[in-house]
Amino acid sequence: LDFLADGYEVQLGGLGYFSVSVTSRLLDDPQEIRAESI
């Protein structure tokens, strides 16, 4: 969880790879985005 929170993709042996994804509201202009809305 520490590595995932820092944005890393984490491999757990031969099981596989874990990663996080983010979301936001739909935007008409990239300049509208605020960090707190992600």
Full PDB file with SEQRES, HELIX, SHEET, SSBOND, CRYST1, ORIGX, SCALE, CONECT and MASTER records, all heavy atoms in Angstrom:
SEQRES   1 A   38  LEU ASP PHE LEU ALA ASP GLY TYR GLU VAL GLN LEU GLY          
SEQRES   2 A   38  GLY LEU GLY TYR PHE SER VAL SER VAL THR SER ARG LEU          
SEQRES   3 A   38  LEU ASP ASP PRO GLN GLU ILE ARG ALA GLU SER ILE              
HELIX    1 AA1 ASP A    2  ALA A    5  1                                   4    
HELIX    2 AA2 PRO A   30  GLU A   32  5                                   3    
HELIX    3 AA3 ALA A   35  SER A   37  5                                   3    
SHEET    1 AA1 2 VAL A  10  LEU A  12  0                                        
SHEET    2 AA1 2 GLY A  16  PHE A  18 -1                                        
CRYST1    1.000    1.000    1.000  90.00  90.00  90.00 P 1           1          
ORIGX1      1.000000  0.000000  0.000000        0.00000                         
ORIGX2      0.000000  1.000000  0.000000        0.00000                         
ORIGX3      0.000000  0.000000  1.000000        0.00000                         
SCALE1      1.000000  0.000000  0.000000        0.00000                         
SCALE2      0.000000  1.000000  0.000000        0.00000                         
SCALE3      0.000000  0.000000  1.000000        0.00000                         
ATOM      1  N   LEU A   1       0.824  -1.211   0.000  1.00  0.00           N  
ATOM      2  CA  LEU A   1       0.000   0.000   0.000  1.00  0.00           C  
ATOM      3  C   LEU A   1       0.859   1.263   0.000  1.00  0.00           C  
ATOM      4  O   LEU A   1       0.498   2.267  -0.632  1.00  0.00           O  
ATOM      5  CB  LEU A   1      -0.941  -0.014   1.203  1.00  0.00           C  
ATOM      6  CG  LEU A   1      -2.089  -1.015   1.136  1.00  0.00           C  
ATOM      7  CD1 LEU A   1      -2.866  -1.038   2.441  1.00  0.00           C  
ATOM      8  CD2 LEU A   1      -3.029  -0.690  -0.031  1.00  0.00           C  
ATOM      9  N   ASP A   2       1.987   1.235   0.700  1.00  0.00           N  
ATOM     10  CA  ASP A   2       2.897   2.386   0.713  1.00  0.00           C  
ATOM     11  C   ASP A   2       3.393   2.686  -0.700  1.00  0.00           C  
ATOM     12  O   ASP A   2       3.384   3.849  -1.137  1.00  0.00           O  
ATOM     13  CB  ASP A   2       4.088   2.121   1.638  1.00  0.00           C  
ATOM     14  CG  ASP A   2       3.725   2.244   3.111  1.00  0.00           C  
ATOM     15  OD1 ASP A   2       2.675   2.841   3.413  1.00  0.00           O  
ATOM     16  OD2 ASP A   2       4.482   1.722   3.954  1.00  0.00           O  
ATOM     17  N   PHE A   3       3.841   1.649  -1.410  1.00  0.00           N  
ATOM     18  CA  PHE A   3       4.346   1.849  -2.770  1.00  0.00           C  
ATOM     19  C   PHE A   3       3.230   2.249  -3.731  1.00  0.00           C  
ATOM     20  O   PHE A   3       3.415   3.114  -4.597  1.00  0.00           O  
ATOM     21  CB  PHE A   3       5.041   0.584  -3.269  1.00  0.00           C  
ATOM     22  CG  PHE A   3       6.440   0.406  -2.738  1.00  0.00           C  
ATOM     23  CD1 PHE A   3       6.736  -0.604  -1.848  1.00  0.00           C  
ATOM     24  CD2 PHE A   3       7.458   1.260  -3.136  1.00  0.00           C  
ATOM     25  CE1 PHE A   3       8.033  -0.763  -1.350  1.00  0.00           C  
ATOM     26  CE2 PHE A   3       8.755   1.117  -2.660  1.00  0.00           C  
ATOM     27  CZ  PHE A   3       9.040   0.104  -1.756  1.00  0.00           C  
ATOM     28  N   LEU A   4       2.061   1.639  -3.592  1.00  0.00           N  
ATOM     29  CA  LEU A   4       0.923   1.986  -4.455  1.00  0.00           C  
ATOM     30  C   LEU A   4       0.517   3.436  -4.253  1.00  0.00           C  
ATOM     31  O   LEU A   4       0.206   4.152  -5.220  1.00  0.00           O  
ATOM     32  CB  LEU A   4      -0.258   1.058  -4.170  1.00  0.00           C  
ATOM     33  CG  LEU A   4      -0.103  -0.389  -4.646  1.00  0.00           C  
ATOM     34  CD1 LEU A   4      -1.184  -1.266  -4.034  1.00  0.00           C  
ATOM     35  CD2 LEU A   4      -0.165  -0.472  -6.172  1.00  0.00           C  
ATOM     36  N   ALA A   5       0.519   3.901  -2.997  1.00  0.00           N  
ATOM     37  CA  ALA A   5       0.161   5.289  -2.690  1.00  0.00           C  
ATOM     38  C   ALA A   5       1.168   6.266  -3.276  1.00  0.00           C  
ATOM     39  O   ALA A   5       0.834   7.427  -3.555  1.00  0.00           O  
ATOM     40  CB  ALA A   5       0.052   5.483  -1.176  1.00  0.00           C  
ATOM     41  N   ASP A   6       2.403   5.812  -3.482  1.00  0.00           N  
ATOM     42  CA  ASP A   6       3.443   6.657  -4.090  1.00  0.00           C  
ATOM     43  C   ASP A   6       3.450   6.559  -5.609  1.00  0.00           C  
ATOM     44  O   ASP A   6       4.340   7.103  -6.270  1.00  0.00           O  
ATOM     45  CB  ASP A   6       4.820   6.265  -3.544  1.00  0.00           C  
ATOM     46  CG  ASP A   6       5.034   6.756  -2.116  1.00  0.00           C  
ATOM     47  OD1 ASP A   6       4.329   7.698  -1.708  1.00  0.00           O  
ATOM     48  OD2 ASP A   6       5.893   6.201  -1.415  1.00  0.00           O  
ATOM     49  N   GLY A   7       2.476   5.828  -6.177  1.00  0.00           N  
ATOM     50  CA  GLY A   7       2.339   5.777  -7.625  1.00  0.00           C  
ATOM     51  C   GLY A   7       3.081   4.653  -8.307  1.00  0.00           C  
ATOM     52  O   GLY A   7       3.183   4.636  -9.541  1.00  0.00           O  
ATOM     53  N   TYR A   8       3.612   3.704  -7.547  1.00  0.00           N  
ATOM     54  CA  TYR A   8       4.342   2.592  -8.139  1.00  0.00           C  
ATOM     55  C   TYR A   8       3.397   1.459  -8.537  1.00  0.00           C  
ATOM     56  O   TYR A   8       2.338   1.272  -7.936  1.00  0.00           O  
ATOM     57  CB  TYR A   8       5.380   2.031  -7.158  1.00  0.00           C  
ATOM     58  CG  TYR A   8       6.560   2.937  -6.929  1.00  0.00           C  
ATOM     59  CD1 TYR A   8       6.576   3.821  -5.855  1.00  0.00           C  
ATOM     60  CD2 TYR A   8       7.668   2.900  -7.781  1.00  0.00           C  
ATOM     61  CE1 TYR A   8       7.664   4.652  -5.631  1.00  0.00           C  
ATOM     62  CE2 TYR A   8       8.756   3.728  -7.560  1.00  0.00           C  
ATOM     63  CZ  TYR A   8       8.755   4.598  -6.486  1.00  0.00           C  
ATOM     64  OH  TYR A   8       9.823   5.426  -6.261  1.00  0.00           O  
ATOM     65  N   GLU A   9       3.816   0.690  -9.539  1.00  0.00           N  
ATOM     66  CA  GLU A   9       3.174  -0.581  -9.859  1.00  0.00           C  
ATOM     67  C   GLU A   9       3.929  -1.642  -9.064  1.00  0.00           C  
ATOM     68  O   GLU A   9       5.157  -1.703  -9.114  1.00  0.00           O  
ATOM     69  CB  GLU A   9       3.266  -0.869 -11.358  1.00  0.00           C  
ATOM     70  CG  GLU A   9       2.563  -2.135 -11.781  1.00  0.00           C  
ATOM     71  CD  GLU A   9       2.614  -2.354 -13.286  1.00  0.00           C  
ATOM     72  OE1 GLU A   9       3.589  -3.002 -13.736  1.00  0.00           O  
ATOM     73  OE2 GLU A   9       1.730  -1.888 -14.013  1.00  0.00           O  
ATOM     74  N   VAL A  10       3.213  -2.463  -8.314  1.00  0.00           N  
ATOM     75  CA  VAL A  10       3.847  -3.402  -7.400  1.00  0.00           C  
ATOM     76  C   VAL A  10       3.663  -4.837  -7.885  1.00  0.00           C  
ATOM     77  O   VAL A  10       2.535  -5.277  -8.125  1.00  0.00           O  
ATOM     78  CB  VAL A  10       3.265  -3.268  -5.971  1.00  0.00           C  
ATOM     79  CG1 VAL A  10       3.942  -4.256  -5.026  1.00  0.00           C  
ATOM     80  CG2 VAL A  10       3.437  -1.840  -5.458  1.00  0.00           C  
ATOM     81  N   GLN A  11       4.790  -5.548  -8.018  1.00  0.00           N  
ATOM     82  CA  GLN A  11       4.746  -6.958  -8.392  1.00  0.00           C  
ATOM     83  C   GLN A  11       4.758  -7.810  -7.125  1.00  0.00           C  
ATOM     84  O   GLN A  11       5.567  -7.592  -6.222  1.00  0.00           O  
ATOM     85  CB  GLN A  11       5.942  -7.332  -9.257  1.00  0.00           C  
ATOM     86  CG  GLN A  11       5.943  -8.803  -9.668  1.00  0.00           C  
ATOM     87  CD  GLN A  11       7.189  -9.189 -10.452  1.00  0.00           C  
ATOM     88  OE1 GLN A  11       8.121  -8.402 -10.566  1.00  0.00           O  
ATOM     89  NE2 GLN A  11       7.196 -10.400 -10.979  1.00  0.00           N  
ATOM     90  N   LEU A  12       3.852  -8.786  -7.074  1.00  0.00           N  
ATOM     91  CA  LEU A  12       3.820  -9.723  -5.951  1.00  0.00           C  
ATOM     92  C   LEU A  12       4.179 -11.106  -6.473  1.00  0.00           C  
ATOM     93  O   LEU A  12       3.324 -11.880  -6.891  1.00  0.00           O  
ATOM     94  CB  LEU A  12       2.446  -9.742  -5.288  1.00  0.00           C  
ATOM     95  CG  LEU A  12       2.292 -10.659  -4.064  1.00  0.00           C  
ATOM     96  CD1 LEU A  12       3.309 -10.277  -2.986  1.00  0.00           C  
ATOM     97  CD2 LEU A  12       0.883 -10.566  -3.505  1.00  0.00           C  
ATOM     98  N   GLY A  13       5.471 -11.398  -6.462  1.00  0.00           N  
ATOM     99  CA  GLY A  13       5.962 -12.692  -6.931  1.00  0.00           C  
ATOM    100  C   GLY A  13       5.414 -13.040  -8.311  1.00  0.00           C  
ATOM    101  O   GLY A  13       5.323 -12.194  -9.194  1.00  0.00           O  
ATOM    102  N   GLY A  14       5.054 -14.305  -8.471  1.00  0.00           N  
ATOM    103  CA  GLY A  14       4.502 -14.743  -9.747  1.00  0.00           C  
ATOM    104  C   GLY A  14       3.015 -14.500  -9.872  1.00  0.00           C  
ATOM    105  O   GLY A  14       2.405 -14.787 -10.906  1.00  0.00           O  
ATOM    106  N   LEU A  15       2.399 -13.956  -8.791  1.00  0.00           N  
ATOM    107  CA  LEU A  15       0.961 -13.701  -8.825  1.00  0.00           C  
ATOM    108  C   LEU A  15       0.605 -12.635  -9.846  1.00  0.00           C  
ATOM    109  O   LEU A  15      -0.317 -12.811 -10.654  1.00  0.00           O  
ATOM    110  CB  LEU A  15       0.477 -13.272  -7.439  1.00  0.00           C  
ATOM    111  CG  LEU A  15      -1.031 -13.061  -7.286  1.00  0.00           C  
ATOM    112  CD1 LEU A  15      -1.792 -14.355  -7.541  1.00  0.00           C  
ATOM    113  CD2 LEU A  15      -1.350 -12.531  -5.897  1.00  0.00           C  
ATOM    114  N   GLY A  16       1.324 -11.515  -9.827  1.00  0.00           N  
ATOM    115  CA  GLY A  16       1.050 -10.472 -10.804  1.00  0.00           C  
ATOM    116  C   GLY A  16       1.371  -9.090 -10.295  1.00  0.00           C  
ATOM    117  O   GLY A  16       2.122  -8.911  -9.330  1.00  0.00           O  
ATOM    118  N   TYR A  17       0.760  -8.095 -10.943  1.00  0.00           N  
ATOM    119  CA  TYR A  17       1.091  -6.695 -10.720  1.00  0.00           C  
ATOM    120  C   TYR A  17      -0.142  -5.917 -10.264  1.00  0.00           C  
ATOM    121  O   TYR A  17      -1.228  -6.070 -10.822  1.00  0.00           O  
ATOM    122  CB  TYR A  17       1.642  -6.071 -12.003  1.00  0.00           C  
ATOM    123  CG  TYR A  17       2.860  -6.779 -12.538  1.00  0.00           C  
ATOM    124  CD1 TYR A  17       2.728  -7.930 -13.311  1.00  0.00           C  
ATOM    125  CD2 TYR A  17       4.145  -6.306 -12.257  1.00  0.00           C  
ATOM    126  CE1 TYR A  17       3.850  -8.601 -13.796  1.00  0.00           C  
ATOM    127  CE2 TYR A  17       5.263  -6.970 -12.735  1.00  0.00           C  
ATOM    128  CZ  TYR A  17       5.112  -8.111 -13.502  1.00  0.00           C  
ATOM    129  OH  TYR A  17       6.225  -8.771 -13.971  1.00  0.00           O  
ATOM    130  N   PHE A  18       0.063  -5.076  -9.261  1.00  0.00           N  
ATOM    131  CA  PHE A  18      -1.006  -4.234  -8.739  1.00  0.00           C  
ATOM    132  C   PHE A  18      -0.696  -2.776  -9.072  1.00  0.00           C  
ATOM    133  O   PHE A  18       0.453  -2.342  -9.033  1.00  0.00           O  
ATOM    134  CB  PHE A  18      -1.121  -4.394  -7.220  1.00  0.00           C  
ATOM    135  CG  PHE A  18      -1.552  -5.767  -6.784  1.00  0.00           C  
ATOM    136  CD1 PHE A  18      -0.631  -6.805  -6.678  1.00  0.00           C  
ATOM    137  CD2 PHE A  18      -2.882  -6.021  -6.478  1.00  0.00           C  
ATOM    138  CE1 PHE A  18      -1.026  -8.075  -6.273  1.00  0.00           C  
ATOM    139  CE2 PHE A  18      -3.282  -7.287  -6.077  1.00  0.00           C  
ATOM    140  CZ  PHE A  18      -2.356  -8.315  -5.979  1.00  0.00           C  
ATOM    141  N   SER A  19      -1.727  -2.009  -9.380  1.00  0.00           N  
ATOM    142  CA  SER A  19      -1.565  -0.585  -9.646  1.00  0.00           C  
ATOM    143  C   SER A  19      -2.871   0.123  -9.313  1.00  0.00           C  
ATOM    144  O   SER A  19      -3.912  -0.521  -9.157  1.00  0.00           O  
ATOM    145  CB  SER A  19      -1.201  -0.335 -11.117  1.00  0.00           C  
ATOM    146  OG  SER A  19      -2.248  -0.786 -11.975  1.00  0.00           O  
ATOM    147  N   VAL A  20      -2.812   1.441  -9.192  1.00  0.00           N  
ATOM    148  CA  VAL A  20      -4.019   2.210  -8.886  1.00  0.00           C  
ATOM    149  C   VAL A  20      -4.431   3.027 -10.104  1.00  0.00           C  
ATOM    150  O   VAL A  20      -3.606   3.352 -10.971  1.00  0.00           O  
ATOM    151  CB  VAL A  20      -3.808   3.155  -7.685  1.00  0.00           C  
ATOM    152  CG1 VAL A  20      -3.507   2.359  -6.431  1.00  0.00           C  
ATOM    153  CG2 VAL A  20      -2.695   4.157  -7.967  1.00  0.00           C  
ATOM    154  N   SER A  21      -5.718   3.347 -10.195  1.00  0.00           N  
ATOM    155  CA  SER A  21      -6.214   4.251 -11.228  1.00  0.00           C  
ATOM    156  C   SER A  21      -6.989   5.366 -10.545  1.00  0.00           C  
ATOM    157  O   SER A  21      -7.463   5.209  -9.418  1.00  0.00           O  
ATOM    158  CB  SER A  21      -7.113   3.512 -12.220  1.00  0.00           C  
ATOM    159  OG  SER A  21      -8.266   3.004 -11.589  1.00  0.00           O  
ATOM    160  N   VAL A  22      -7.088   6.497 -11.230  1.00  0.00           N  
ATOM    161  CA  VAL A  22      -7.799   7.651 -10.680  1.00  0.00           C  
ATOM    162  C   VAL A  22      -8.933   8.040 -11.617  1.00  0.00           C  
ATOM    163  O   VAL A  22      -9.017   7.564 -12.754  1.00  0.00           O  
ATOM    164  CB  VAL A  22      -6.845   8.851 -10.487  1.00  0.00           C  
ATOM    165  CG1 VAL A  22      -5.757   8.504  -9.479  1.00  0.00           C  
ATOM    166  CG2 VAL A  22      -6.239   9.280 -11.820  1.00  0.00           C  
ATOM    167  N   THR A  23      -9.796   8.911 -11.154  1.00  0.00           N  
ATOM    168  CA  THR A  23     -10.910   9.385 -11.972  1.00  0.00           C  
ATOM    169  C   THR A  23     -11.162  10.856 -11.667  1.00  0.00           C  
ATOM    170  O   THR A  23     -10.662  11.402 -10.684  1.00  0.00           O  
ATOM    171  CB  THR A  23     -12.188   8.559 -11.704  1.00  0.00           C  
ATOM    172  OG1 THR A  23     -13.199   8.930 -12.644  1.00  0.00           O  
ATOM    173  CG2 THR A  23     -12.711   8.794 -10.293  1.00  0.00           C  
ATOM    174  N   SER A  24     -11.943  11.478 -12.532  1.00  0.00           N  
ATOM    175  CA  SER A  24     -12.322  12.877 -12.335  1.00  0.00           C  
ATOM    176  C   SER A  24     -13.624  13.113 -13.090  1.00  0.00           C  
ATOM    177  O   SER A  24     -14.091  12.255 -13.840  1.00  0.00           O  
ATOM    178  CB  SER A  24     -11.228  13.818 -12.866  1.00  0.00           C  
ATOM    179  OG  SER A  24     -11.218  13.794 -14.293  1.00  0.00           O  
ATOM    180  N   ARG A  25     -14.199  14.279 -12.910  1.00  0.00           N  
ATOM    181  CA  ARG A  25     -15.371  14.638 -13.692  1.00  0.00           C  
ATOM    182  C   ARG A  25     -14.954  14.905 -15.132  1.00  0.00           C  
ATOM    183  O   ARG A  25     -13.766  15.111 -15.423  1.00  0.00           O  
ATOM    184  CB  ARG A  25     -16.051  15.869 -13.098  1.00  0.00           C  
ATOM    185  CG  ARG A  25     -15.184  17.130 -13.117  1.00  0.00           C  
ATOM    186  CD  ARG A  25     -15.914  18.293 -12.457  1.00  0.00           C  
ATOM    187  NE  ARG A  25     -15.080  19.493 -12.432  1.00  0.00           N  
ATOM    188  CZ  ARG A  25     -14.973  20.357 -13.425  1.00  0.00           C  
ATOM    189  NH1 ARG A  25     -15.658  20.156 -14.563  1.00  0.00           N  
ATOM    190  NH2 ARG A  25     -14.198  21.424 -13.322  1.00  0.00           N  
ATOM    191  N   LEU A  26     -15.921  14.903 -16.054  1.00  0.00           N  
ATOM    192  CA  LEU A  26     -15.619  15.187 -17.450  1.00  0.00           C  
ATOM    193  C   LEU A  26     -15.288  16.673 -17.623  1.00  0.00           C  
ATOM    194  O   LEU A  26     -15.915  17.538 -17.004  1.00  0.00           O  
ATOM    195  CB  LEU A  26     -16.813  14.824 -18.335  1.00  0.00           C  
ATOM    196  CG  LEU A  26     -17.141  13.325 -18.412  1.00  0.00           C  
ATOM    197  CD1 LEU A  26     -18.408  13.108 -19.222  1.00  0.00           C  
ATOM    198  CD2 LEU A  26     -15.984  12.566 -19.032  1.00  0.00           C  
ATOM    199  N   LEU A  27     -14.308  16.944 -18.468  1.00  0.00           N  
ATOM    200  CA  LEU A  27     -13.829  18.316 -18.649  1.00  0.00           C  
ATOM    201  C   LEU A  27     -13.903  18.736 -20.116  1.00  0.00           C  
ATOM    202  O   LEU A  27     -13.682  17.930 -21.018  1.00  0.00           O  
ATOM    203  CB  LEU A  27     -12.375  18.436 -18.188  1.00  0.00           C  
ATOM    204  CG  LEU A  27     -12.076  18.057 -16.729  1.00  0.00           C  
ATOM    205  CD1 LEU A  27     -10.579  17.957 -16.536  1.00  0.00           C  
ATOM    206  CD2 LEU A  27     -12.675  19.081 -15.793  1.00  0.00           C  
ATOM    207  N   ASP A  28     -14.214  20.000 -20.341  1.00  0.00           N  
ATOM    208  CA  ASP A  28     -14.155  20.565 -21.689  1.00  0.00           C  
ATOM    209  C   ASP A  28     -12.773  21.128 -21.976  1.00  0.00           C  
ATOM    210  O   ASP A  28     -12.329  21.189 -23.121  1.00  0.00           O  
ATOM    211  CB  ASP A  28     -15.200  21.683 -21.845  1.00  0.00           C  
ATOM    212  CG  ASP A  28     -16.627  21.138 -21.772  1.00  0.00           C  
ATOM    213  OD1 ASP A  28     -16.852  20.045 -22.323  1.00  0.00           O  
ATOM    214  OD2 ASP A  28     -17.484  21.794 -21.163  1.00  0.00           O  
ATOM    215  N   ASP A  29     -12.088  21.541 -20.912  1.00  0.00           N  
ATOM    216  CA  ASP A  29     -10.774  22.180 -21.049  1.00  0.00           C  
ATOM    217  C   ASP A  29      -9.847  21.635 -19.963  1.00  0.00           C  
ATOM    218  O   ASP A  29     -10.187  21.667 -18.782  1.00  0.00           O  
ATOM    219  CB  ASP A  29     -10.929  23.690 -20.894  1.00  0.00           C  
ATOM    220  CG  ASP A  29      -9.619  24.434 -21.122  1.00  0.00           C  
ATOM    221  OD1 ASP A  29      -8.551  23.792 -21.168  1.00  0.00           O  
ATOM    222  OD2 ASP A  29      -9.663  25.675 -21.253  1.00  0.00           O  
ATOM    223  N   PRO A  30      -8.657  21.121 -20.322  1.00  0.00           N  
ATOM    224  CA  PRO A  30      -7.712  20.596 -19.321  1.00  0.00           C  
ATOM    225  C   PRO A  30      -7.339  21.621 -18.253  1.00  0.00           C  
ATOM    226  O   PRO A  30      -6.939  21.259 -17.148  1.00  0.00           O  
ATOM    227  CB  PRO A  30      -6.491  20.204 -20.154  1.00  0.00           C  
ATOM    228  CG  PRO A  30      -7.033  19.948 -21.521  1.00  0.00           C  
ATOM    229  CD  PRO A  30      -8.143  20.941 -21.695  1.00  0.00           C  
ATOM    230  N   GLN A  31      -7.470  22.907 -18.577  1.00  0.00           N  
ATOM    231  CA  GLN A  31      -7.110  23.946 -17.620  1.00  0.00           C  
ATOM    232  C   GLN A  31      -8.099  24.034 -16.461  1.00  0.00           C  
ATOM    233  O   GLN A  31      -7.825  24.665 -15.442  1.00  0.00           O  
ATOM    234  CB  GLN A  31      -7.041  25.312 -18.329  1.00  0.00           C  
ATOM    235  CG  GLN A  31      -6.014  25.378 -19.457  1.00  0.00           C  
ATOM    236  CD  GLN A  31      -4.606  25.085 -18.964  1.00  0.00           C  
ATOM    237  OE1 GLN A  31      -4.219  25.540 -17.890  1.00  0.00           O  
ATOM    238  NE2 GLN A  31      -3.840  24.333 -19.739  1.00  0.00           N  
ATOM    239  N   GLU A  32      -9.263  23.396 -16.622  1.00  0.00           N  
ATOM    240  CA  GLU A  32     -10.287  23.449 -15.573  1.00  0.00           C  
ATOM    241  C   GLU A  32      -9.943  22.560 -14.378  1.00  0.00           C  
ATOM    242  O   GLU A  32     -10.507  22.731 -13.299  1.00  0.00           O  
ATOM    243  CB  GLU A  32     -11.641  22.978 -16.126  1.00  0.00           C  
ATOM    244  CG  GLU A  32     -12.196  23.823 -17.249  1.00  0.00           C  
ATOM    245  CD  GLU A  32     -13.497  23.238 -17.784  1.00  0.00           C  
ATOM    246  OE1 GLU A  32     -14.011  22.288 -17.175  1.00  0.00           O  
ATOM    247  OE2 GLU A  32     -13.986  23.720 -18.808  1.00  0.00           O  
ATOM    248  N   ILE A  33      -9.027  21.621 -14.589  1.00  0.00           N  
ATOM    249  CA  ILE A  33      -8.818  20.595 -13.573  1.00  0.00           C  
ATOM    250  C   ILE A  33      -8.148  21.147 -12.326  1.00  0.00           C  
ATOM    251  O   ILE A  33      -7.311  22.046 -12.390  1.00  0.00           O  
ATOM    252  CB  ILE A  33      -7.979  19.420 -14.151  1.00  0.00           C  
ATOM    253  CG1 ILE A  33      -8.171  18.173 -13.294  1.00  0.00           C  
ATOM    254  CG2 ILE A  33      -6.518  19.802 -14.255  1.00  0.00           C  
ATOM    255  CD1 ILE A  33      -9.545  17.627 -13.319  1.00  0.00           C  
ATOM    256  N   ARG A  34      -8.550  20.601 -11.175  1.00  0.00           N  
ATOM    257  CA  ARG A  34      -7.917  20.919  -9.905  1.00  0.00           C  
ATOM    258  C   ARG A  34      -7.450  19.622  -9.279  1.00  0.00           C  
ATOM    259  O   ARG A  34      -8.119  18.601  -9.398  1.00  0.00           O  
ATOM    260  CB  ARG A  34      -8.918  21.599  -8.967  1.00  0.00           C  
ATOM    261  CG  ARG A  34      -9.266  23.020  -9.349  1.00  0.00           C  
ATOM    262  CD  ARG A  34     -10.190  23.608  -8.298  1.00  0.00           C  
ATOM    263  NE  ARG A  34     -10.426  25.012  -8.505  1.00  0.00           N  
ATOM    264  CZ  ARG A  34     -11.161  25.762  -7.689  1.00  0.00           C  
ATOM    265  NH1 ARG A  34     -11.705  25.207  -6.615  1.00  0.00           N  
ATOM    266  NH2 ARG A  34     -11.339  27.045  -7.930  1.00  0.00           N  
ATOM    267  N   ALA A  35      -6.323  19.664  -8.599  1.00  0.00           N  
ATOM    268  CA  ALA A  35      -5.749  18.451  -8.010  1.00  0.00           C  
ATOM    269  C   ALA A  35      -6.718  17.790  -7.049  1.00  0.00           C  
ATOM    270  O   ALA A  35      -6.818  16.563  -6.992  1.00  0.00           O  
ATOM    271  CB  ALA A  35      -4.435  18.781  -7.293  1.00  0.00           C  
ATOM    272  N   GLU A  36      -7.487  18.597  -6.299  1.00  0.00           N  
ATOM    273  CA  GLU A  36      -8.400  18.017  -5.312  1.00  0.00           C  
ATOM    274  C   GLU A  36      -9.588  17.302  -5.943  1.00  0.00           C  
ATOM    275  O   GLU A  36     -10.298  16.550  -5.267  1.00  0.00           O  
ATOM    276  CB  GLU A  36      -8.895  19.090  -4.327  1.00  0.00           C  
ATOM    277  CG  GLU A  36      -9.569  20.279  -4.981  1.00  0.00           C  
ATOM    278  CD  GLU A  36      -8.601  21.410  -5.273  1.00  0.00           C  
ATOM    279  OE1 GLU A  36      -7.390  21.129  -5.413  1.00  0.00           O  
ATOM    280  OE2 GLU A  36      -9.053  22.558  -5.364  1.00  0.00           O  
ATOM    281  N   SER A  37      -9.837  17.549  -7.247  1.00  0.00           N  
ATOM    282  CA  SER A  37     -10.955  16.874  -7.908  1.00  0.00           C  
ATOM    283  C   SER A  37     -10.547  15.532  -8.509  1.00  0.00           C  
ATOM    284  O   SER A  37     -11.379  14.785  -8.998  1.00  0.00           O  
ATOM    285  CB  SER A  37     -11.541  17.762  -9.008  1.00  0.00           C  
ATOM    286  OG  SER A  37     -10.603  17.943 -10.056  1.00  0.00           O  
ATOM    287  N   ILE A  38      -9.248  15.225  -8.480  1.00  0.00           N  
ATOM    288  CA  ILE A  38      -8.760  13.927  -8.935  1.00  0.00           C  
ATOM    289  C   ILE A  38      -8.734  13.001  -7.731  1.00  0.00           C  
ATOM    290  O   ILE A  38      -8.168  13.334  -6.702  1.00  0.00           O  
ATOM    291  CB  ILE A  38      -7.331  14.026  -9.521  1.00  0.00           C  
ATOM    292  CG1 ILE A  38      -7.264  15.123 -10.575  1.00  0.00           C  
ATOM    293  CG2 ILE A  38      -6.902  12.684 -10.095  1.00  0.00           C  
ATOM    294  CD1 ILE A  38      -8.128  14.859 -11.789  1.00  0.00           C  
TER     295      ILE A  38                                                      
MASTER        0    0    0    3    2    0    0    6  294    1    0    3          
END                                                                             
